[in-house]
Amino acid sequence: MAKTSQVNRNAKREHMAARDKGKRTALKNIVMDRTLPVEDRFEASLKLAELPRNGSRVRVRLRCKLTGRSRANYRKFGLCRVALRDLASTGQIPGMVKSSW
């Protein structure tokens, strides 16, 4: 099990990223638009820098839904390799069987 504080911190980052998504994309579009004057683009980049860093989508870490483990996660299942193997061994994941050759 991961530390509860790490899981909570990541949940807070997910919430902030969802909240600031529209604002960030609008400012990024202004910054990347080469047809706009340099002053407007620079002002948009300053506003973008004023936004909280944890509101960026890049800051969110993919974590296991069961254990909170931050490494070796499968996006398709939302689980880490350890939890995925345990559930697959007990037959909890439909269509997944233990391989043998």
PDB file of N, CA and C in Angstrom:
ATOM      1  N   MET A   1       0.843  -1.183   0.000  1.00  0.00           N
ATOM      2  CA  MET A   1       0.000   0.000   0.000  1.00  0.00           C
ATOM      3  C   MET A   1       0.885   1.241   0.000  1.00  0.00           C
ATOM      4  N   ALA A   2       0.504   2.192  -0.804  1.00  0.00           N
ATOM      5  CA  ALA A   2       1.233   3.458  -0.850  1.00  0.00           C
ATOM      6  C   ALA A   2       0.812   4.335   0.328  1.00  0.00           C
ATOM      7  N   LYS A   3       1.651   5.319   0.596  1.00  0.00           N
ATOM      8  CA  LYS A   3       1.307   6.244   1.667  1.00  0.00           C
ATOM      9  C   LYS A   3       0.037   6.998   1.302  1.00  0.00           C
ATOM     10  N   THR A   4      -0.823   7.152   2.255  1.00  0.00           N
ATOM     11  CA  THR A   4      -2.097   7.830   2.021  1.00  0.00           C
ATOM     12  C   THR A   4      -1.878   9.273   1.604  1.00  0.00           C
ATOM     13  N   SER A   5      -0.849   9.898   2.143  1.00  0.00           N
ATOM     14  CA  SER A   5      -0.583  11.294   1.801  1.00  0.00           C
ATOM     15  C   SER A   5      -0.213  11.435   0.328  1.00  0.00           C
ATOM     16  N   GLN A   6       0.524  10.472  -0.207  1.00  0.00           N
ATOM     17  CA  GLN A   6       0.903  10.525  -1.626  1.00  0.00           C
ATOM     18  C   GLN A   6      -0.321  10.357  -2.518  1.00  0.00           C
ATOM     19  N   VAL A   7      -1.206   9.454  -2.146  1.00  0.00           N
ATOM     20  CA  VAL A   7      -2.424   9.226  -2.927  1.00  0.00           C
ATOM     21  C   VAL A   7      -3.318  10.467  -2.882  1.00  0.00           C
ATOM     22  N   ASN A   8      -3.441  11.064  -1.704  1.00  0.00           N
ATOM     23  CA  ASN A   8      -4.259  12.266  -1.561  1.00  0.00           C
ATOM     24  C   ASN A   8      -3.674  13.442  -2.332  1.00  0.00           C
ATOM     25  N   ARG A   9      -2.351  13.568  -2.299  1.00  0.00           N
ATOM     26  CA  ARG A   9      -1.686  14.644  -3.036  1.00  0.00           C
ATOM     27  C   ARG A   9      -1.933  14.502  -4.538  1.00  0.00           C
ATOM     28  N   ASN A  10      -1.873  13.257  -5.017  1.00  0.00           N
ATOM     29  CA  ASN A  10      -2.111  13.008  -6.438  1.00  0.00           C
ATOM     30  C   ASN A  10      -3.569  13.296  -6.808  1.00  0.00           C
ATOM     31  N   ALA A  11      -4.497  12.966  -5.917  1.00  0.00           N
ATOM     32  CA  ALA A  11      -5.910  13.257  -6.164  1.00  0.00           C
ATOM     33  C   ALA A  11      -6.145  14.763  -6.227  1.00  0.00           C
ATOM     34  N   LYS A  12      -5.456  15.499  -5.379  1.00  0.00           N
ATOM     35  CA  LYS A  12      -5.561  16.959  -5.394  1.00  0.00           C
ATOM     36  C   LYS A  12      -5.036  17.512  -6.718  1.00  0.00           C
ATOM     37  N   ARG A  13      -3.928  16.948  -7.195  1.00  0.00           N
ATOM     38  CA  ARG A  13      -3.367  17.376  -8.475  1.00  0.00           C
ATOM     39  C   ARG A  13      -4.323  17.074  -9.626  1.00  0.00           C
ATOM     40  N   GLU A  14      -4.979  15.917  -9.588  1.00  0.00           N
ATOM     41  CA  GLU A  14      -5.957  15.573 -10.627  1.00  0.00           C
ATOM     42  C   GLU A  14      -7.099  16.577 -10.642  1.00  0.00           C
ATOM     43  N   HIS A  15      -7.554  16.937  -9.453  1.00  0.00           N
ATOM     44  CA  HIS A  15      -8.644  17.906  -9.344  1.00  0.00           C
ATOM     45  C   HIS A  15      -8.223  19.268  -9.892  1.00  0.00           C
ATOM     46  N   MET A  16      -7.024  19.710  -9.521  1.00  0.00           N
ATOM     47  CA  MET A  16      -6.529  21.004  -9.988  1.00  0.00           C
ATOM     48  C   MET A  16      -6.303  21.003 -11.503  1.00  0.00           C
ATOM     49  N   ALA A  17      -5.827  19.899 -12.041  1.00  0.00           N
ATOM     50  CA  ALA A  17      -5.592  19.808 -13.478  1.00  0.00           C
ATOM     51  C   ALA A  17      -6.906  19.881 -14.245  1.00  0.00           C
ATOM     52  N   ALA A  18      -7.933  19.226 -13.721  1.00  0.00           N
ATOM     53  CA  ALA A  18      -9.238  19.280 -14.376  1.00  0.00           C
ATOM     54  C   ALA A  18      -9.837  20.681 -14.281  1.00  0.00           C
ATOM     55  N   ARG A  19      -9.622  21.336 -13.146  1.00  0.00           N
ATOM     56  CA  ARG A  19     -10.156  22.681 -12.939  1.00  0.00           C
ATOM     57  C   ARG A  19      -9.501  23.705 -13.858  1.00  0.00           C
ATOM     58  N   ASP A  20      -8.191  23.615 -14.038  1.00  0.00           N
ATOM     59  CA  ASP A  20      -7.440  24.619 -14.793  1.00  0.00           C
ATOM     60  C   ASP A  20      -7.260  24.272 -16.260  1.00  0.00           C
ATOM     61  N   LYS A  21      -7.827  23.170 -16.716  1.00  0.00           N
ATOM     62  CA  LYS A  21      -7.584  22.702 -18.079  1.00  0.00           C
ATOM     63  C   LYS A  21      -7.982  23.733 -19.136  1.00  0.00           C
ATOM     64  N   GLY A  22      -9.161  24.282 -19.025  1.00  0.00           N
ATOM     65  CA  GLY A  22      -9.632  25.252 -20.012  1.00  0.00           C
ATOM     66  C   GLY A  22      -8.789  26.514 -20.041  1.00  0.00           C
ATOM     67  N   LYS A  23      -8.438  27.002 -18.868  1.00  0.00           N
ATOM     68  CA  LYS A  23      -7.632  28.214 -18.763  1.00  0.00           C
ATOM     69  C   LYS A  23      -6.244  28.003 -19.382  1.00  0.00           C
ATOM     70  N   ARG A  24      -5.649  26.847 -19.080  1.00  0.00           N
ATOM     71  CA  ARG A  24      -4.320  26.541 -19.609  1.00  0.00           C
ATOM     72  C   ARG A  24      -4.330  26.405 -21.130  1.00  0.00           C
ATOM     73  N   THR A  25      -5.308  25.706 -21.672  1.00  0.00           N
ATOM     74  CA  THR A  25      -5.343  25.523 -23.123  1.00  0.00           C
ATOM     75  C   THR A  25      -5.562  26.845 -23.843  1.00  0.00           C
ATOM     76  N   ALA A  26      -6.406  27.709 -23.279  1.00  0.00           N
ATOM     77  CA  ALA A  26      -6.639  29.012 -23.901  1.00  0.00           C
ATOM     78  C   ALA A  26      -5.356  29.847 -23.921  1.00  0.00           C
ATOM     79  N   LEU A  27      -4.639  29.872 -22.808  1.00  0.00           N
ATOM     80  CA  LEU A  27      -3.393  30.635 -22.748  1.00  0.00           C
ATOM     81  C   LEU A  27      -2.317  30.033 -23.645  1.00  0.00           C
ATOM     82  N   LYS A  28      -2.246  28.709 -23.704  1.00  0.00           N
ATOM     83  CA  LYS A  28      -1.263  28.060 -24.567  1.00  0.00           C
ATOM     84  C   LYS A  28      -1.543  28.337 -26.032  1.00  0.00           C
ATOM     85  N   ASN A  29      -2.823  28.379 -26.404  1.00  0.00           N
ATOM     86  CA  ASN A  29      -3.173  28.690 -27.793  1.00  0.00           C
ATOM     87  C   ASN A  29      -2.752  30.106 -28.161  1.00  0.00           C
ATOM     88  N   ILE A  30      -2.891  31.034 -27.228  1.00  0.00           N
ATOM     89  CA  ILE A  30      -2.466  32.421 -27.480  1.00  0.00           C
ATOM     90  C   ILE A  30      -0.946  32.483 -27.623  1.00  0.00           C
ATOM     91  N   VAL A  31      -0.230  31.779 -26.750  1.00  0.00           N
ATOM     92  CA  VAL A  31       1.232  31.802 -26.791  1.00  0.00           C
ATOM     93  C   VAL A  31       1.753  31.192 -28.100  1.00  0.00           C
ATOM     94  N   MET A  32       1.125  30.150 -28.582  1.00  0.00           N
ATOM     95  CA  MET A  32       1.603  29.455 -29.775  1.00  0.00           C
ATOM     96  C   MET A  32       1.163  30.109 -31.088  1.00  0.00           C
ATOM     97  N   ASP A  33       0.218  31.027 -31.031  1.00  0.00           N
ATOM     98  CA  ASP A  33      -0.294  31.666 -32.248  1.00  0.00           C
ATOM     99  C   ASP A  33       0.693  32.729 -32.736  1.00  0.00           C
ATOM    100  N   ARG A  34       1.357  32.454 -33.849  1.00  0.00           N
ATOM    101  CA  ARG A  34       2.390  33.352 -34.385  1.00  0.00           C
ATOM    102  C   ARG A  34       1.816  34.601 -35.043  1.00  0.00           C
ATOM    103  N   THR A  35       0.525  34.615 -35.308  1.00  0.00           N
ATOM    104  CA  THR A  35      -0.071  35.783 -35.964  1.00  0.00           C
ATOM    105  C   THR A  35      -0.372  36.914 -34.983  1.00  0.00           C
ATOM    106  N   LEU A  36      -0.418  36.613 -33.709  1.00  0.00           N
ATOM    107  CA  LEU A  36      -0.700  37.631 -32.696  1.00  0.00           C
ATOM    108  C   LEU A  36       0.543  38.468 -32.416  1.00  0.00           C
ATOM    109  N   PRO A  37       0.362  39.685 -31.909  1.00  0.00           N
ATOM    110  CA  PRO A  37       1.515  40.519 -31.550  1.00  0.00           C
ATOM    111  C   PRO A  37       2.331  39.892 -30.412  1.00  0.00           C
ATOM    112  N   VAL A  38       3.605  40.215 -30.387  1.00  0.00           N
ATOM    113  CA  VAL A  38       4.514  39.644 -29.399  1.00  0.00           C
ATOM    114  C   VAL A  38       4.108  40.034 -27.981  1.00  0.00           C
ATOM    115  N   GLU A  39       3.599  41.261 -27.804  1.00  0.00           N
ATOM    116  CA  GLU A  39       3.214  41.722 -26.472  1.00  0.00           C
ATOM    117  C   GLU A  39       2.094  40.868 -25.895  1.00  0.00           C
ATOM    118  N   ASP A  40       1.094  40.546 -26.742  1.00  0.00           N
ATOM    119  CA  ASP A  40      -0.027  39.720 -26.275  1.00  0.00           C
ATOM    120  C   ASP A  40       0.442  38.307 -25.918  1.00  0.00           C
ATOM    121  N   ARG A  41       1.320  37.773 -26.737  1.00  0.00           N
ATOM    122  CA  ARG A  41       1.825  36.431 -26.482  1.00  0.00           C
ATOM    123  C   ARG A  41       2.662  36.395 -25.205  1.00  0.00           C
ATOM    124  N   PHE A  42       3.453  37.431 -24.993  1.00  0.00           N
ATOM    125  CA  PHE A  42       4.278  37.502 -23.784  1.00  0.00           C
ATOM    126  C   PHE A  42       3.412  37.646 -22.539  1.00  0.00           C
ATOM    127  N   GLU A  43       2.363  38.452 -22.641  1.00  0.00           N
ATOM    128  CA  GLU A  43       1.438  38.628 -21.514  1.00  0.00           C
ATOM    129  C   GLU A  43       0.732  37.320 -21.182  1.00  0.00           C
ATOM    130  N   ALA A  44       0.361  36.559 -22.217  1.00  0.00           N
ATOM    131  CA  ALA A  44      -0.278  35.259 -21.998  1.00  0.00           C
ATOM    132  C   ALA A  44       0.693  34.280 -21.348  1.00  0.00           C
ATOM    133  N   SER A  45       1.963  34.337 -21.727  1.00  0.00           N
ATOM    134  CA  SER A  45       2.940  33.435 -21.115  1.00  0.00           C
ATOM    135  C   SER A  45       3.167  33.785 -19.645  1.00  0.00           C
ATOM    136  N   LEU A  46       3.104  35.071 -19.313  1.00  0.00           N
ATOM    137  CA  LEU A  46       3.225  35.465 -17.905  1.00  0.00           C
ATOM    138  C   LEU A  46       2.031  34.978 -17.087  1.00  0.00           C
ATOM    139  N   LYS A  47       0.827  35.067 -17.664  1.00  0.00           N
ATOM    140  CA  LYS A  47      -0.367  34.571 -16.970  1.00  0.00           C
ATOM    141  C   LYS A  47      -0.298  33.061 -16.800  1.00  0.00           C
ATOM    142  N   LEU A  48       0.246  32.392 -17.802  1.00  0.00           N
ATOM    143  CA  LEU A  48       0.393  30.944 -17.730  1.00  0.00           C
ATOM    144  C   LEU A  48       1.372  30.556 -16.610  1.00  0.00           C
ATOM    145  N   ALA A  49       2.416  31.349 -16.450  1.00  0.00           N
ATOM    146  CA  ALA A  49       3.399  31.076 -15.409  1.00  0.00           C
ATOM    147  C   ALA A  49       2.839  31.351 -14.012  1.00  0.00           C
ATOM    148  N   GLU A  50       1.832  32.211 -13.916  1.00  0.00           N
ATOM    149  CA  GLU A  50       1.229  32.521 -12.615  1.00  0.00           C
ATOM    150  C   GLU A  50       0.298  31.421 -12.117  1.00  0.00           C
ATOM    151  N   LEU A  51      -0.174  30.572 -13.029  1.00  0.00           N
ATOM    152  CA  LEU A  51      -1.049  29.476 -12.616  1.00  0.00           C
ATOM    153  C   LEU A  51      -0.263  28.501 -11.735  1.00  0.00           C
ATOM    154  N   PRO A  52      -0.949  27.809 -10.820  1.00  0.00           N
ATOM    155  CA  PRO A  52      -0.235  26.869  -9.944  1.00  0.00           C
ATOM    156  C   PRO A  52       0.366  25.707 -10.728  1.00  0.00           C
ATOM    157  N   ARG A  53       1.567  25.324 -10.347  1.00  0.00           N
ATOM    158  CA  ARG A  53       2.257  24.245 -11.060  1.00  0.00           C
ATOM    159  C   ARG A  53       1.532  22.921 -10.945  1.00  0.00           C
ATOM    160  N   ASN A  54       0.926  22.667  -9.800  1.00  0.00           N
ATOM    161  CA  ASN A  54       0.215  21.404  -9.619  1.00  0.00           C
ATOM    162  C   ASN A  54      -1.073  21.334 -10.438  1.00  0.00           C
ATOM    163  N   GLY A  55      -1.442  22.428 -11.076  1.00  0.00           N
ATOM    164  CA  GLY A  55      -2.607  22.419 -11.947  1.00  0.00           C
ATOM    165  C   GLY A  55      -2.308  21.902 -13.335  1.00  0.00           C
ATOM    166  N   SER A  56      -1.043  21.563 -13.586  1.00  0.00           N
ATOM    167  CA  SER A  56      -0.651  21.039 -14.885  1.00  0.00           C
ATOM    168  C   SER A  56      -0.919  19.542 -14.943  1.00  0.00           C
ATOM    169  N   ARG A  57      -1.350  19.070 -16.103  1.00  0.00           N
ATOM    170  CA  ARG A  57      -1.672  17.648 -16.281  1.00  0.00           C
ATOM    171  C   ARG A  57      -0.422  16.775 -16.154  1.00  0.00           C
ATOM    172  N   VAL A  58       0.738  17.330 -16.455  1.00  0.00           N
ATOM    173  CA  VAL A  58       1.985  16.571 -16.401  1.00  0.00           C
ATOM    174  C   VAL A  58       2.325  16.169 -14.966  1.00  0.00           C
ATOM    175  N   ARG A  59       1.865  16.924 -14.008  1.00  0.00           N
ATOM    176  CA  ARG A  59       2.183  16.648 -12.606  1.00  0.00           C
ATOM    177  C   ARG A  59       1.423  15.455 -12.035  1.00  0.00           C
ATOM    178  N   VAL A  60       0.363  15.036 -12.699  1.00  0.00           N
ATOM    179  CA  VAL A  60      -0.449  13.928 -12.180  1.00  0.00           C
ATOM    180  C   VAL A  60       0.265  12.608 -12.463  1.00  0.00           C
ATOM    181  N   ARG A  61       0.388  11.781 -11.455  1.00  0.00           N
ATOM    182  CA  ARG A  61       1.070  10.499 -11.564  1.00  0.00           C
ATOM    183  C   ARG A  61       0.034   9.393 -11.691  1.00  0.00           C
ATOM    184  N   LEU A  62       0.268   8.452 -12.591  1.00  0.00           N
ATOM    185  CA  LEU A  62      -0.622   7.307 -12.754  1.00  0.00           C
ATOM    186  C   LEU A  62      -0.418   6.362 -11.576  1.00  0.00           C
ATOM    187  N   ARG A  63      -1.490   6.075 -10.846  1.00  0.00           N
ATOM    188  CA  ARG A  63      -1.407   5.218  -9.673  1.00  0.00           C
ATOM    189  C   ARG A  63      -2.411   4.078  -9.763  1.00  0.00           C
ATOM    190  N   CYS A  64      -2.094   2.991  -9.091  1.00  0.00           N
ATOM    191  CA  CYS A  64      -2.965   1.825  -9.033  1.00  0.00           C
ATOM    192  C   CYS A  64      -4.241   2.196  -8.275  1.00  0.00           C
ATOM    193  N   LYS A  65      -5.386   1.753  -8.788  1.00  0.00           N
ATOM    194  CA  LYS A  65      -6.663   2.073  -8.146  1.00  0.00           C
ATOM    195  C   LYS A  65      -6.851   1.307  -6.836  1.00  0.00           C
ATOM    196  N   LEU A  66      -6.233   0.135  -6.726  1.00  0.00           N
ATOM    197  CA  LEU A  66      -6.394  -0.662  -5.506  1.00  0.00           C
ATOM    198  C   LEU A  66      -5.368  -0.318  -4.436  1.00  0.00           C
ATOM    199  N   THR A  67      -4.103  -0.278  -4.816  1.00  0.00           N
ATOM    200  CA  THR A  67      -3.045  -0.144  -3.826  1.00  0.00           C
ATOM    201  C   THR A  67      -2.428   1.246  -3.767  1.00  0.00           C
ATOM    202  N   GLY A  68      -2.556   2.031  -4.815  1.00  0.00           N
ATOM    203  CA  GLY A  68      -1.946   3.350  -4.849  1.00  0.00           C
ATOM    204  C   GLY A  68      -0.504   3.320  -5.317  1.00  0.00           C
ATOM    205  N   ARG A  69      -0.025   2.149  -5.735  1.00  0.00           N
ATOM    206  CA  ARG A  69       1.357   2.014  -6.210  1.00  0.00           C
ATOM    207  C   ARG A  69       1.573   2.894  -7.437  1.00  0.00           C
ATOM    208  N   SER A  70       2.729   3.567  -7.478  1.00  0.00           N
ATOM    209  CA  SER A  70       2.966   4.537  -8.538  1.00  0.00           C
ATOM    210  C   SER A  70       3.786   3.994  -9.695  1.00  0.00           C
ATOM    211  N   ARG A  71       4.291   2.792  -9.575  1.00  0.00           N
ATOM    212  CA  ARG A  71       5.134   2.239 -10.632  1.00  0.00           C
ATOM    213  C   ARG A  71       4.524   0.977 -11.215  1.00  0.00           C
ATOM    214  N   ALA A  72       4.907   0.687 -12.462  1.00  0.00           N
ATOM    215  CA  ALA A  72       4.480  -0.522 -13.178  1.00  0.00           C
ATOM    216  C   ALA A  72       2.960  -0.610 -13.257  1.00  0.00           C
ATOM    217  N   ASN A  73       2.334   0.452 -13.776  1.00  0.00           N
ATOM    218  CA  ASN A  73       0.882   0.487 -13.923  1.00  0.00           C
ATOM    219  C   ASN A  73       0.473   0.191 -15.351  1.00  0.00           C
ATOM    220  N   TYR A  74      -0.651  -0.474 -15.502  1.00  0.00           N
ATOM    221  CA  TYR A  74      -1.246  -0.729 -16.805  1.00  0.00           C
ATOM    222  C   TYR A  74      -2.430   0.208 -16.966  1.00  0.00           C
ATOM    223  N   ARG A  75      -2.359   1.078 -17.964  1.00  0.00           N
ATOM    224  CA  ARG A  75      -3.413   2.063 -18.179  1.00  0.00           C
ATOM    225  C   ARG A  75      -4.757   1.398 -18.493  1.00  0.00           C
ATOM    226  N   LYS A  76      -4.699   0.309 -19.231  1.00  0.00           N
ATOM    227  CA  LYS A  76      -5.930  -0.375 -19.646  1.00  0.00           C
ATOM    228  C   LYS A  76      -6.759  -0.848 -18.452  1.00  0.00           C
ATOM    229  N   PHE A  77      -6.085  -1.286 -17.412  1.00  0.00           N
ATOM    230  CA  PHE A  77      -6.779  -1.811 -16.239  1.00  0.00           C
ATOM    231  C   PHE A  77      -6.814  -0.831 -15.080  1.00  0.00           C
ATOM    232  N   GLY A  78      -5.884   0.114 -15.053  1.00  0.00           N
ATOM    233  CA  GLY A  78      -5.788   1.041 -13.931  1.00  0.00           C
ATOM    234  C   GLY A  78      -5.201   0.384 -12.700  1.00  0.00           C
ATOM    235  N   LEU A  79      -4.425  -0.687 -12.917  1.00  0.00           N
ATOM    236  CA  LEU A  79      -3.851  -1.452 -11.816  1.00  0.00           C
ATOM    237  C   LEU A  79      -2.347  -1.590 -11.995  1.00  0.00           C
ATOM    238  N   CYS A  80      -1.656  -1.808 -10.884  1.00  0.00           N
ATOM    239  CA  CYS A  80      -0.229  -2.095 -10.965  1.00  0.00           C
ATOM    240  C   CYS A  80      -0.055  -3.576 -11.295  1.00  0.00           C
ATOM    241  N   ARG A  81       1.168  -3.943 -11.628  1.00  0.00           N
ATOM    242  CA  ARG A  81       1.437  -5.325 -12.050  1.00  0.00           C
ATOM    243  C   ARG A  81       1.165  -6.330 -10.941  1.00  0.00           C
ATOM    244  N   VAL A  82       1.396  -5.937  -9.694  1.00  0.00           N
ATOM    245  CA  VAL A  82       1.196  -6.846  -8.573  1.00  0.00           C
ATOM    246  C   VAL A  82      -0.295  -7.131  -8.379  1.00  0.00           C
ATOM    247  N   ALA A  83      -1.090  -6.078  -8.360  1.00  0.00           N
ATOM    248  CA  ALA A  83      -2.534  -6.242  -8.175  1.00  0.00           C
ATOM    249  C   ALA A  83      -3.157  -6.950  -9.371  1.00  0.00           C
ATOM    250  N   LEU A  84      -2.661  -6.637 -10.559  1.00  0.00           N
ATOM    251  CA  LEU A  84      -3.181  -7.281 -11.769  1.00  0.00           C
ATOM    252  C   LEU A  84      -2.921  -8.788 -11.731  1.00  0.00           C
ATOM    253  N   ARG A  85      -1.732  -9.166 -11.309  1.00  0.00           N
ATOM    254  CA  ARG A  85      -1.396 -10.594 -11.245  1.00  0.00           C
ATOM    255  C   ARG A  85      -2.238 -11.317 -10.204  1.00  0.00           C
ATOM    256  N   ASP A  86      -2.448 -10.680  -9.060  1.00  0.00           N
ATOM    257  CA  ASP A  86      -3.267 -11.298  -8.020  1.00  0.00           C
ATOM    258  C   ASP A  86      -4.704 -11.498  -8.484  1.00  0.00           C
ATOM    259  N   LEU A  87      -5.272 -10.467  -9.112  1.00  0.00           N
ATOM    260  CA  LEU A  87      -6.652 -10.577  -9.585  1.00  0.00           C
ATOM    261  C   LEU A  87      -6.773 -11.580 -10.721  1.00  0.00           C
ATOM    262  N   ALA A  88      -5.777 -11.623 -11.606  1.00  0.00           N
ATOM    263  CA  ALA A  88      -5.810 -12.571 -12.715  1.00  0.00           C
ATOM    264  C   ALA A  88      -5.677 -14.007 -12.215  1.00  0.00           C
ATOM    265  N   SER A  89      -4.862 -14.215 -11.195  1.00  0.00           N
ATOM    266  CA  SER A  89      -4.670 -15.566 -10.659  1.00  0.00           C
ATOM    267  C   SER A  89      -5.935 -16.090 -10.000  1.00  0.00           C
ATOM    268  N   THR A  90      -6.701 -15.208  -9.397  1.00  0.00           N
ATOM    269  CA  THR A  90      -7.946 -15.634  -8.755  1.00  0.00           C
ATOM    270  C   THR A  90      -9.130 -15.645  -9.710  1.00  0.00           C
ATOM    271  N   GLY A  91      -8.898 -15.239 -10.962  1.00  0.00           N
ATOM    272  CA  GLY A  91      -9.971 -15.269 -11.960  1.00  0.00           C
ATOM    273  C   GLY A  91     -10.904 -14.084 -11.901  1.00  0.00           C
ATOM    274  N   GLN A  92     -10.468 -12.979 -11.343  1.00  0.00           N
ATOM    275  CA  GLN A  92     -11.318 -11.798 -11.193  1.00  0.00           C
ATOM    276  C   GLN A  92     -11.377 -10.941 -12.458  1.00  0.00           C
ATOM    277  N   ILE A  93     -10.416 -11.130 -13.365  1.00  0.00           N
ATOM    278  CA  ILE A  93     -10.388 -10.345 -14.603  1.00  0.00           C
ATOM    279  C   ILE A  93     -10.857 -11.239 -15.738  1.00  0.00           C
ATOM    280  N   PRO A  94     -11.995 -10.915 -16.378  1.00  0.00           N
ATOM    281  CA  PRO A  94     -12.549 -11.770 -17.429  1.00  0.00           C
ATOM    282  C   PRO A  94     -11.620 -11.845 -18.637  1.00  0.00           C
ATOM    283  N   GLY A  95     -11.414 -13.065 -19.127  1.00  0.00           N
ATOM    284  CA  GLY A  95     -10.629 -13.260 -20.324  1.00  0.00           C
ATOM    285  C   GLY A  95      -9.143 -13.369 -20.092  1.00  0.00           C
ATOM    286  N   MET A  96      -8.677 -13.126 -18.894  1.00  0.00           N
ATOM    287  CA  MET A  96      -7.240 -13.206 -18.624  1.00  0.00           C
ATOM    288  C   MET A  96      -6.945 -14.525 -17.926  1.00  0.00           C
ATOM    289  N   VAL A  97      -6.052 -15.302 -18.522  1.00  0.00           N
ATOM    290  CA  VAL A  97      -5.666 -16.587 -17.957  1.00  0.00           C
ATOM    291  C   VAL A  97      -4.156 -16.635 -17.810  1.00  0.00           C
ATOM    292  N   LYS A  98      -3.702 -17.486 -16.922  1.00  0.00           N
ATOM    293  CA  LYS A  98      -2.270 -17.658 -16.727  1.00  0.00           C
ATOM    294  C   LYS A  98      -1.698 -18.399 -17.929  1.00  0.00           C
ATOM    295  N   SER A  99      -0.593 -17.886 -18.443  1.00  0.00           N
ATOM    296  CA  SER A  99      -0.015 -18.511 -19.622  1.00  0.00           C
ATOM    297  C   SER A  99       0.808 -19.739 -19.222  1.00  0.00           C
ATOM    298  N   SER A 100       0.839 -20.702 -20.120  1.00  0.00           N
ATOM    299  CA  SER A 100       1.690 -21.871 -19.909  1.00  0.00           C
ATOM    300  C   SER A 100       2.102 -22.375 -21.285  1.00  0.00           C
ATOM    301  N   TRP A 101       3.355 -22.795 -21.394  1.00  0.00           N
ATOM    302  CA  TRP A 101       3.823 -23.311 -22.685  1.00  0.00           C
ATOM    303  C   TRP A 101       4.818 -24.412 -22.496  1.00  0.00           C
TER     304      TRP A 101
END
